[in-house]
Protein backbone atom coordinates (compact mmCIF):
# COMPACT_ATOMS: atom_id res chain seq x y z
CA MET A 1 214.81 43.25 136.14
CA LYS A 2 211.92 44.86 133.89
CA TYR A 3 210.80 44.53 130.25
CA LEU A 4 210.57 47.59 128.81
CA SER A 5 207.41 48.61 126.40
CA GLY A 6 206.72 51.96 124.50
CA ASP A 7 208.69 54.84 124.17
CA GLU A 8 211.91 53.24 126.54
CA GLU A 9 211.08 49.94 124.15
CA LYS A 10 211.74 52.27 121.31
CA GLN A 11 215.26 54.08 122.79
CA ALA A 12 216.32 51.14 123.67
CA MET A 13 215.95 49.14 120.19
CA LYS A 14 217.59 52.26 118.86
CA TYR A 15 221.30 51.69 121.26
CA ILE A 16 221.02 47.46 120.76
CA ASP A 17 220.48 48.58 116.28
CA ASP A 18 223.80 49.99 117.21
CA ALA A 19 226.11 47.79 119.22
CA ALA A 20 224.33 45.26 116.20
CA GLU A 21 226.10 47.29 113.61
CA ILE A 22 229.07 47.39 116.06
CA ALA A 23 229.22 43.65 116.15
CA LEU A 24 229.40 43.35 112.15
CA ASN A 25 233.01 43.97 112.78
CA SER A 26 233.80 41.36 114.97
CA PRO A 27 236.22 38.33 113.53
CA CYS A 28 234.61 35.42 115.72
CA LEU A 29 234.27 32.29 113.89
CA ARG A 30 231.44 31.31 116.72
CA SER A 31 229.32 34.17 118.11
CA LYS A 32 229.23 37.85 116.74
CA CYS A 33 228.49 40.45 119.72
CA GLY A 34 228.11 44.13 120.32
CA SER A 35 228.04 46.02 123.13
CA VAL A 36 227.15 49.64 123.50
CA ILE A 37 227.69 51.86 126.99
CA VAL A 38 225.23 54.61 127.27
CA LYS A 39 224.71 57.85 129.65
CA ASN A 40 222.76 60.93 129.23
CA ASN A 41 221.55 59.53 125.69
CA LYS A 42 225.22 59.65 124.38
CA ILE A 43 227.40 56.55 123.60
CA ILE A 44 230.42 56.71 125.96
CA GLY A 45 231.87 53.67 124.59
CA ARG A 46 231.97 50.76 122.31
CA GLY A 47 232.84 47.42 121.42
CA ALA A 48 232.53 43.58 119.71
CA ASN A 49 234.05 40.83 120.45
CA VAL A 50 237.72 40.12 119.31
CA PRO A 51 240.58 38.13 119.59
CA PRO A 52 243.04 39.44 122.31
CA ASN A 53 245.60 40.05 119.07
CA LYS A 54 242.99 41.93 117.16
CA LYS A 55 243.61 39.27 114.79
CA PRO A 56 241.36 36.85 112.77
CA LEU A 57 241.85 33.30 114.43
CA GLU A 58 241.34 30.04 111.96
CA LYS A 59 239.64 27.74 114.68
CA CYS A 60 238.10 28.82 117.80
CA ILE A 61 240.14 27.42 120.57
CA LYS A 62 236.85 26.66 122.50
CA ASP A 63 236.18 23.79 120.44
CA SER A 64 239.75 21.94 121.57
CA LEU A 65 239.18 22.58 125.77
CA PRO A 66 238.19 19.48 127.37
CA ALA A 67 234.67 19.30 129.32
CA ASN A 68 236.81 20.05 132.52
CA PHE A 69 238.03 23.51 131.50
CA LYS A 70 238.61 24.99 134.79
CA SER A 71 238.34 28.92 133.24
CA GLU A 72 236.13 31.21 130.61
CA LYS A 73 236.36 29.26 127.56
CA HIS A 74 235.88 31.75 125.01
CA CYS A 75 239.00 32.98 122.79
CA CYS A 76 237.52 36.64 122.24
CA VAL A 77 237.72 39.45 124.45
CA HIS A 78 233.76 40.01 124.94
CA ALA A 79 232.24 42.81 123.78
CA GLU A 80 231.05 43.74 126.84
CA GLN A 81 235.03 44.55 127.86
CA ILE A 82 235.79 45.72 125.36
CA ALA A 83 232.91 48.58 125.69
CA ILE A 84 233.86 49.05 129.22
CA MET A 85 237.64 49.35 128.20
CA ASP A 86 236.77 51.76 125.22
CA ALA A 87 234.64 53.99 127.97
CA LEU A 88 237.30 54.33 130.58
CA GLU A 89 239.31 55.55 127.48
CA LYS A 90 237.29 57.99 126.05
CA ASN A 91 234.97 59.09 128.73
CA PRO A 92 235.89 57.93 132.00
CA ALA A 93 234.26 60.45 134.53
CA GLU A 94 230.90 59.22 132.65
CA LEU A 95 231.26 55.12 132.89
CA ALA A 96 229.39 55.47 136.81
CA GLY A 97 225.74 55.54 136.50
CA SER A 98 225.33 54.40 132.31
CA THR A 99 223.33 51.62 130.85
CA LEU A 100 225.57 48.69 128.74
CA TYR A 101 223.85 47.46 126.27
CA PHE A 102 224.28 43.78 124.87
CA ILE A 103 223.30 41.92 121.49
CA ARG A 104 224.14 38.85 119.39
CA LEU A 105 223.90 38.15 115.96
CA ASP A 106 223.28 34.90 114.15
CA THR A 107 225.62 33.32 111.43
CA ASN A 108 223.50 35.84 109.01
CA GLY A 109 223.81 38.91 111.43
CA ASN A 110 220.65 38.97 112.34
CA LYS A 111 219.44 39.96 115.56
CA THR A 112 218.66 36.87 118.48
CA GLU A 113 218.01 36.38 121.72
CA ALA A 114 221.04 37.61 124.24
CA GLY A 115 220.04 34.56 126.39
CA LYS A 116 220.51 35.04 130.13
CA PRO A 117 223.30 36.43 132.16
CA TYR A 118 225.75 34.11 132.10
CA CYS A 119 229.26 36.22 132.43
CA THR A 120 230.96 36.80 135.34
CA ILE A 121 233.49 38.22 133.85
CA CYS A 122 231.54 40.79 132.46
CA SER A 123 229.30 41.02 135.63
CA LYS A 124 232.18 41.83 137.72
CA MET A 125 233.20 43.97 135.20
CA ALA A 126 230.92 46.48 134.83
CA LEU A 127 230.15 46.70 138.58
CA TYR A 128 233.45 47.77 138.92
CA ALA A 129 232.90 50.09 136.52
CA LYS A 130 229.92 51.18 137.98
CA ILE A 131 227.54 50.70 135.37
CA SER A 132 223.78 50.33 136.63
CA GLU A 133 222.54 48.80 134.51
CA PHE A 134 222.31 45.93 131.71
CA VAL A 135 220.02 45.92 128.87
CA LEU A 136 219.51 42.09 126.48
CA ARG A 137 216.97 41.68 124.07
CA HIS A 138 215.61 38.41 124.87
CA LYS A 139 212.27 36.67 123.06
CA GLU A 140 209.80 38.28 125.52
CA GLY A 141 211.52 41.77 124.75
CA ILE A 142 213.52 43.97 125.73
CA CYS A 143 214.83 43.49 129.19
CA VAL A 144 216.51 45.63 131.65
CA TYR A 145 218.92 44.42 134.18
CA ASP A 146 220.31 46.02 137.98
CA THR A 147 224.05 45.18 137.09
CA GLU A 148 223.96 44.03 141.10
CA GLU A 149 221.11 41.75 139.45
CA TYR A 150 222.43 40.83 136.79
CA ASN A 151 226.39 39.83 138.73
CA LYS A 152 223.90 37.23 140.42
CA LEU A 153 222.37 36.17 138.31
CA SER A 154 225.40 35.14 135.99
CA PHE A 155 226.85 33.57 139.59
CA GLN A 156 223.74 30.80 139.38
CA PHE A 157 223.59 30.44 135.57
CA LYS A 158 224.27 26.48 134.95
CA GLY A 159 224.32 26.51 130.89
CA ASP A 160 227.73 25.91 129.35
């Protein structure tokens, strides 16, 4: 992983801002997230986290699951997954070697830190789609992960 600075950081923030705009459209009750996938300075895929049926929920299923539930606990399809599917539909030939930018918004619509890599579903899907890099916003700055490293770190995550 590496933290960006200068022009690279400014360019990454542009795409994170684009992802934040998309995240505002998420109907999720817990967290609004957005992703864009970029290749050759062109956005080739977009996504916000949404319930599988694309309809707003009255409550999040995560709140009713037992602590020992053994699968992914979020009620929404992740923004990263939606962006990958969007790119596969609209720009399949450009997905290999692309970069995925992700952002999470707080309840007021402000950008927050993305947190450490944790979602093995998204990391495996990105590897399968041949995405080269994940870009996240941390309190230390904009961080770029090689997708192999992101996947490895996701499997090491110990939080909830």
